[in-house]
Amino acid sequence: MASASDSAPPGQQADRAAIIATIHMLIGQLGLDPDSEGLAETPRRITDMYLELFEGMHMDAAEQLAVQFDEAHDELVILKDIPFYSMCEHHFLPFHGTAHVGYLPDGKIVGLSKIARAVEIFARRPQVQERLTSQIANAIESALGAKGVGVVIEAEHLCMTARGVRKPGALMVTSAMRGRFRETENTRQEFLRLIGR
């Protein structure tokens, strides 16, 4: 599946009319009247929503991270509490939370907004949280040649809180450590302490 890749998949144009027709049929198959006043525009609205939520499928996070600056700073750089919304690929229900991203520069830094934008691009694809965490870490490590990268994501999944076991408030926490963050306990612990974990 395209979303499993760390890079952006080839650009494709969604067939908007076909998606609208499919959702119209789905509503009817659920025993509802898709032409009723309340539902008549729902297929269009759902289509536009999905096209927006999955816009990251046609974007490349590496392009955002390519704008870099030469800088001799060699201590931790952390952007924490980055809010995000994504869509679980198993049930097409949202999961949302915060991402914490840190890296050890090796002569290059990147604007903090670019890190947040990279998180957003990967989040706006059908996802699982584990993959999302790894994609962010891999992209930053690759783009910056950083000596180390750490990513921690905390999220609530509606596929678990609104259905199934129905445990609202339960958070899933995932981490990805690269380079010095994986190899050196002091670096890893400093990162975790600074993000409040």
C-alpha atoms as a PDB file:
ATOM      1  CA  MET A   1       0.000   0.000   0.000  1.00  0.00           C
ATOM      2  CA  ALA A   2       1.285   3.461  -0.855  1.00  0.00           C
ATOM      3  CA  SER A   3       1.043   4.805   2.692  1.00  0.00           C
ATOM      4  CA  ALA A   4       3.599   2.259   3.895  1.00  0.00           C
ATOM      5  CA  SER A   5       6.356   4.172   2.102  1.00  0.00           C
ATOM      6  CA  ASP A   6       8.315   6.924   3.794  1.00  0.00           C
ATOM      7  CA  SER A   7       8.279   8.961   0.591  1.00  0.00           C
ATOM      8  CA  ALA A   8       5.287  10.403  -1.162  1.00  0.00           C
ATOM      9  CA  PRO A   9       3.534   8.039  -3.545  1.00  0.00           C
ATOM     10  CA  PRO A  10       3.132   9.053  -7.182  1.00  0.00           C
ATOM     11  CA  GLY A  11       0.518  11.764  -7.644  1.00  0.00           C
ATOM     12  CA  GLN A  12      -2.913  10.485  -8.585  1.00  0.00           C
ATOM     13  CA  GLN A  13      -6.128  12.346  -9.188  1.00  0.00           C
ATOM     14  CA  ALA A  14      -9.047  10.896  -7.272  1.00  0.00           C
ATOM     15  CA  ASP A  15     -12.223  10.344  -9.258  1.00  0.00           C
ATOM     16  CA  ARG A  16     -14.387  12.641  -7.160  1.00  0.00           C
ATOM     17  CA  ALA A  17     -17.626  11.803  -8.989  1.00  0.00           C
ATOM     18  CA  ALA A  18     -17.048   8.069  -8.533  1.00  0.00           C
ATOM     19  CA  ILE A  19     -16.379   8.516  -4.807  1.00  0.00           C
ATOM     20  CA  ILE A  20     -19.589  10.545  -4.403  1.00  0.00           C
ATOM     21  CA  ALA A  21     -21.572   7.844  -6.233  1.00  0.00           C
ATOM     22  CA  THR A  22     -20.025   5.109  -4.068  1.00  0.00           C
ATOM     23  CA  ILE A  23     -20.875   6.904  -0.822  1.00  0.00           C
ATOM     24  CA  HIS A  24     -24.408   7.584  -2.110  1.00  0.00           C
ATOM     25  CA  MET A  25     -24.782   3.840  -2.702  1.00  0.00           C
ATOM     26  CA  LEU A  26     -23.320   3.005   0.718  1.00  0.00           C
ATOM     27  CA  ILE A  27     -25.840   5.255   2.459  1.00  0.00           C
ATOM     28  CA  GLY A  28     -28.642   3.485   0.614  1.00  0.00           C
ATOM     29  CA  GLN A  29     -27.209   0.060   1.508  1.00  0.00           C
ATOM     30  CA  LEU A  30     -27.321   1.053   5.168  1.00  0.00           C
ATOM     31  CA  GLY A  31     -31.088   1.395   4.844  1.00  0.00           C
ATOM     32  CA  LEU A  32     -31.141   5.191   4.727  1.00  0.00           C
ATOM     33  CA  ASP A  33     -32.591   7.445   2.068  1.00  0.00           C
ATOM     34  CA  PRO A  34     -29.579   9.104   0.434  1.00  0.00           C
ATOM     35  CA  ASP A  35     -31.841  11.606  -1.311  1.00  0.00           C
ATOM     36  CA  SER A  36     -33.529  12.866   1.862  1.00  0.00           C
ATOM     37  CA  GLU A  37     -33.032  16.503   2.822  1.00  0.00           C
ATOM     38  CA  GLY A  38     -30.502  15.743   5.541  1.00  0.00           C
ATOM     39  CA  LEU A  39     -28.448  13.251   3.504  1.00  0.00           C
ATOM     40  CA  ALA A  40     -28.640  14.644  -0.044  1.00  0.00           C
ATOM     41  CA  GLU A  41     -25.322  16.532   0.245  1.00  0.00           C
ATOM     42  CA  THR A  42     -23.637  14.022   2.563  1.00  0.00           C
ATOM     43  CA  PRO A  43     -21.850  12.045  -0.192  1.00  0.00           C
ATOM     44  CA  ARG A  44     -20.256  15.246  -1.480  1.00  0.00           C
ATOM     45  CA  ARG A  45     -19.293  16.368   2.023  1.00  0.00           C
ATOM     46  CA  ILE A  46     -17.774  12.987   2.912  1.00  0.00           C
ATOM     47  CA  THR A  47     -15.843  12.930  -0.364  1.00  0.00           C
ATOM     48  CA  ASP A  48     -14.403  16.389   0.213  1.00  0.00           C
ATOM     49  CA  MET A  49     -13.530  15.429   3.784  1.00  0.00           C
ATOM     50  CA  TYR A  50     -11.601  12.325   2.706  1.00  0.00           C
ATOM     51  CA  LEU A  51      -9.770  14.193  -0.051  1.00  0.00           C
ATOM     52  CA  GLU A  52      -8.655  16.724   2.573  1.00  0.00           C
ATOM     53  CA  LEU A  53      -7.771  14.134   5.234  1.00  0.00           C
ATOM     54  CA  PHE A  54      -5.691  12.132   2.747  1.00  0.00           C
ATOM     55  CA  GLU A  55      -4.004  15.048   0.970  1.00  0.00           C
ATOM     56  CA  GLY A  56      -0.653  13.942   2.420  1.00  0.00           C
ATOM     57  CA  MET A  57      -0.661  10.973   0.033  1.00  0.00           C
ATOM     58  CA  HIS A  58       0.334  13.366  -2.744  1.00  0.00           C
ATOM     59  CA  MET A  59       2.874  15.416  -0.784  1.00  0.00           C
ATOM     60  CA  ASP A  60       6.539  14.792  -0.066  1.00  0.00           C
ATOM     61  CA  ALA A  61       7.754  15.609   3.445  1.00  0.00           C
ATOM     62  CA  ALA A  62      11.351  15.632   2.175  1.00  0.00           C
ATOM     63  CA  GLU A  63      10.563  18.780   0.175  1.00  0.00           C
ATOM     64  CA  GLN A  64       9.613  20.595   3.383  1.00  0.00           C
ATOM     65  CA  LEU A  65      12.776  19.434   5.152  1.00  0.00           C
ATOM     66  CA  ALA A  66      15.038  20.393   2.235  1.00  0.00           C
ATOM     67  CA  VAL A  67      15.152  24.057   3.306  1.00  0.00           C
ATOM     68  CA  GLN A  68      18.081  23.952   5.734  1.00  0.00           C
ATOM     69  CA  PHE A  69      20.585  26.281   7.344  1.00  0.00           C
ATOM     70  CA  ASP A  70      24.249  25.792   8.187  1.00  0.00           C
ATOM     71  CA  GLU A  71      24.620  26.002  11.950  1.00  0.00           C
ATOM     72  CA  ALA A  72      27.293  24.737  14.352  1.00  0.00           C
ATOM     73  CA  HIS A  73      24.756  23.980  17.103  1.00  0.00           C
ATOM     74  CA  ASP A  74      25.307  20.390  18.230  1.00  0.00           C
ATOM     75  CA  GLU A  75      22.881  20.056  21.139  1.00  0.00           C
ATOM     76  CA  LEU A  76      19.301  18.803  21.187  1.00  0.00           C
ATOM     77  CA  VAL A  77      16.675  20.597  19.106  1.00  0.00           C
ATOM     78  CA  ILE A  78      13.126  19.673  20.140  1.00  0.00           C
ATOM     79  CA  LEU A  79       9.695  20.630  18.902  1.00  0.00           C
ATOM     80  CA  LYS A  80       7.125  19.192  21.268  1.00  0.00           C
ATOM     81  CA  ASP A  81       3.350  19.097  21.589  1.00  0.00           C
ATOM     82  CA  ILE A  82       2.717  19.208  17.826  1.00  0.00           C
ATOM     83  CA  PRO A  83      -1.017  18.511  17.455  1.00  0.00           C
ATOM     84  CA  PHE A  84      -2.086  16.226  14.624  1.00  0.00           C
ATOM     85  CA  TYR A  85      -5.104  14.385  13.258  1.00  0.00           C
ATOM     86  CA  SER A  86      -4.817  11.203  11.244  1.00  0.00           C
ATOM     87  CA  MET A  87      -7.046   8.407   9.994  1.00  0.00           C
ATOM     88  CA  CYS A  88      -6.686   4.779  11.080  1.00  0.00           C
ATOM     89  CA  GLU A  89      -6.415   2.693   7.939  1.00  0.00           C
ATOM     90  CA  HIS A  90      -8.160  -0.257   9.605  1.00  0.00           C
ATOM     91  CA  HIS A  91     -11.516   1.426  10.299  1.00  0.00           C
ATOM     92  CA  PHE A  92     -11.208   4.850   8.633  1.00  0.00           C
ATOM     93  CA  LEU A  93     -11.816   6.457  12.003  1.00  0.00           C
ATOM     94  CA  PRO A  94      -9.669   9.334  13.280  1.00  0.00           C
ATOM     95  CA  PHE A  95      -6.874   9.192  15.772  1.00  0.00           C
ATOM     96  CA  HIS A  96      -5.418  12.382  17.169  1.00  0.00           C
ATOM     97  CA  GLY A  97      -2.868  13.560  19.648  1.00  0.00           C
ATOM     98  CA  THR A  98       0.537  15.165  19.887  1.00  0.00           C
ATOM     99  CA  ALA A  99       3.922  14.441  18.389  1.00  0.00           C
ATOM    100  CA  HIS A 100       7.255  15.300  20.011  1.00  0.00           C
ATOM    101  CA  VAL A 101      10.245  15.479  17.681  1.00  0.00           C
ATOM    102  CA  GLY A 102      13.901  15.985  18.582  1.00  0.00           C
ATOM    103  CA  TYR A 103      17.176  15.748  16.711  1.00  0.00           C
ATOM    104  CA  LEU A 104      20.906  16.220  17.173  1.00  0.00           C
ATOM    105  CA  PRO A 105      22.154  18.405  14.289  1.00  0.00           C
ATOM    106  CA  ASP A 106      25.304  17.584  12.372  1.00  0.00           C
ATOM    107  CA  GLY A 107      25.979  21.009  10.876  1.00  0.00           C
ATOM    108  CA  LYS A 108      22.454  21.542   9.506  1.00  0.00           C
ATOM    109  CA  ILE A 109      19.238  22.749  11.114  1.00  0.00           C
ATOM    110  CA  VAL A 110      15.755  23.129   9.703  1.00  0.00           C
ATOM    111  CA  GLY A 111      13.002  25.632  10.486  1.00  0.00           C
ATOM    112  CA  LEU A 112      10.666  24.356  13.203  1.00  0.00           C
ATOM    113  CA  SER A 113       7.612  24.958  11.021  1.00  0.00           C
ATOM    114  CA  LYS A 114       9.075  22.478   8.530  1.00  0.00           C
ATOM    115  CA  ILE A 115       9.135  19.767  11.200  1.00  0.00           C
ATOM    116  CA  ALA A 116       5.492  20.458  12.027  1.00  0.00           C
ATOM    117  CA  ARG A 117       4.641  20.388   8.323  1.00  0.00           C
ATOM    118  CA  ALA A 118       6.379  17.025   7.890  1.00  0.00           C
ATOM    119  CA  VAL A 119       4.312  15.613  10.773  1.00  0.00           C
ATOM    120  CA  GLU A 120       1.174  16.932   9.089  1.00  0.00           C
ATOM    121  CA  ILE A 121       2.038  15.422   5.699  1.00  0.00           C
ATOM    122  CA  PHE A 122       2.581  11.943   7.122  1.00  0.00           C
ATOM    123  CA  ALA A 123      -0.503  12.228   9.352  1.00  0.00           C
ATOM    124  CA  ARG A 124      -2.733  13.072   6.387  1.00  0.00           C
ATOM    125  CA  ARG A 125      -2.588   9.565   4.961  1.00  0.00           C
ATOM    126  CA  PRO A 126      -4.349   6.340   5.930  1.00  0.00           C
ATOM    127  CA  GLN A 127      -2.098   5.373   8.827  1.00  0.00           C
ATOM    128  CA  VAL A 128      -1.230   3.281  11.803  1.00  0.00           C
ATOM    129  CA  GLN A 129       0.492   5.138  14.632  1.00  0.00           C
ATOM    130  CA  GLU A 130       3.544   2.900  14.619  1.00  0.00           C
ATOM    131  CA  ARG A 131       4.243   3.647  10.946  1.00  0.00           C
ATOM    132  CA  LEU A 132       3.554   7.356  11.383  1.00  0.00           C
ATOM    133  CA  THR A 133       6.144   7.526  14.171  1.00  0.00           C
ATOM    134  CA  SER A 134       8.792   5.760  12.093  1.00  0.00           C
ATOM    135  CA  GLN A 135       8.091   7.799   8.950  1.00  0.00           C
ATOM    136  CA  ILE A 136       8.660  11.075  10.791  1.00  0.00           C
ATOM    137  CA  ALA A 137      11.921   9.838  12.348  1.00  0.00           C
ATOM    138  CA  ASN A 138      13.205   8.401   9.068  1.00  0.00           C
ATOM    139  CA  ALA A 139      12.413  11.566   7.115  1.00  0.00           C
ATOM    140  CA  ILE A 140      14.235  13.854   9.548  1.00  0.00           C
ATOM    141  CA  GLU A 141      17.235  11.536   9.855  1.00  0.00           C
ATOM    142  CA  SER A 142      17.520  11.238   6.072  1.00  0.00           C
ATOM    143  CA  ALA A 143      16.925  14.896   5.195  1.00  0.00           C
ATOM    144  CA  LEU A 144      19.227  16.415   7.814  1.00  0.00           C
ATOM    145  CA  GLY A 145      21.838  13.701   8.197  1.00  0.00           C
ATOM    146  CA  ALA A 146      21.218  14.225  11.912  1.00  0.00           C
ATOM    147  CA  LYS A 147      23.409  12.453  14.462  1.00  0.00           C
ATOM    148  CA  GLY A 148      20.248  11.278  16.166  1.00  0.00           C
ATOM    149  CA  VAL A 149      16.484  11.604  15.997  1.00  0.00           C
ATOM    150  CA  GLY A 150      13.762  10.879  18.515  1.00  0.00           C
ATOM    151  CA  VAL A 151      10.003  10.891  17.944  1.00  0.00           C
ATOM    152  CA  VAL A 152       7.306  10.162  20.521  1.00  0.00           C
ATOM    153  CA  ILE A 153       3.613  10.220  19.624  1.00  0.00           C
ATOM    154  CA  GLU A 154       0.701  10.085  22.067  1.00  0.00           C
ATOM    155  CA  ALA A 155      -2.737   9.628  20.528  1.00  0.00           C
ATOM    156  CA  GLU A 156      -6.325   8.667  21.212  1.00  0.00           C
ATOM    157  CA  HIS A 157      -7.898   6.335  18.649  1.00  0.00           C
ATOM    158  CA  LEU A 158     -11.615   6.568  17.969  1.00  0.00           C
ATOM    159  CA  CYS A 159     -11.590   2.990  16.645  1.00  0.00           C
ATOM    160  CA  MET A 160     -10.999   2.003  20.282  1.00  0.00           C
ATOM    161  CA  THR A 161     -12.766   4.780  22.173  1.00  0.00           C
ATOM    162  CA  ALA A 162     -15.985   5.231  20.152  1.00  0.00           C
ATOM    163  CA  ARG A 163     -16.519   1.571  19.191  1.00  0.00           C
ATOM    164  CA  GLY A 164     -15.147  -1.856  20.054  1.00  0.00           C
ATOM    165  CA  VAL A 165     -13.885  -1.869  23.658  1.00  0.00           C
ATOM    166  CA  ARG A 166     -15.020   1.769  24.113  1.00  0.00           C
ATOM    167  CA  LYS A 167     -12.309   3.048  26.423  1.00  0.00           C
ATOM    168  CA  PRO A 168     -12.284   6.841  26.005  1.00  0.00           C
ATOM    169  CA  GLY A 169      -9.213   8.584  27.335  1.00  0.00           C
ATOM    170  CA  ALA A 170      -6.877   5.655  26.664  1.00  0.00           C
ATOM    171  CA  LEU A 171      -3.736   6.887  24.920  1.00  0.00           C
ATOM    172  CA  MET A 172      -1.389   4.939  22.698  1.00  0.00           C
ATOM    173  CA  VAL A 173       2.269   5.953  22.981  1.00  0.00           C
ATOM    174  CA  THR A 174       4.825   5.061  20.307  1.00  0.00           C
ATOM    175  CA  SER A 175       8.458   6.017  19.910  1.00  0.00           C
ATOM    176  CA  ALA A 176      11.147   5.861  17.255  1.00  0.00           C
ATOM    177  CA  MET A 177      14.778   6.429  18.172  1.00  0.00           C
ATOM    178  CA  ARG A 178      17.534   6.760  15.600  1.00  0.00           C
ATOM    179  CA  GLY A 179      21.315   7.204  15.878  1.00  0.00           C
ATOM    180  CA  ARG A 180      22.484   8.643  19.196  1.00  0.00           C
ATOM    181  CA  PHE A 181      18.944   8.565  20.591  1.00  0.00           C
ATOM    182  CA  ARG A 182      18.989   4.780  20.279  1.00  0.00           C
ATOM    183  CA  GLU A 183      22.666   4.213  21.088  1.00  0.00           C
ATOM    184  CA  THR A 184      23.214   6.600  24.014  1.00  0.00           C
ATOM    185  CA  GLU A 185      20.992   6.341  27.066  1.00  0.00           C
ATOM    186  CA  ASN A 186      21.891   9.843  28.318  1.00  0.00           C
ATOM    187  CA  THR A 187      20.748  11.433  25.042  1.00  0.00           C
ATOM    188  CA  ARG A 188      17.553   9.406  25.014  1.00  0.00           C
ATOM    189  CA  GLN A 189      16.788  10.209  28.646  1.00  0.00           C
ATOM    190  CA  GLU A 190      17.453  13.925  28.139  1.00  0.00           C
ATOM    191  CA  PHE A 191      15.025  13.954  25.218  1.00  0.00           C
ATOM    192  CA  LEU A 192      12.349  12.093  27.184  1.00  0.00           C
ATOM    193  CA  ARG A 193      12.799  14.377  30.197  1.00  0.00           C
ATOM    194  CA  LEU A 194      12.535  17.538  28.090  1.00  0.00           C
ATOM    195  CA  ILE A 195       9.296  16.397  26.462  1.00  0.00           C
ATOM    196  CA  GLY A 196       7.899  15.500  29.888  1.00  0.00           C
ATOM    197  CA  ARG A 197       7.884  11.709  29.531  1.00  0.00           C
END
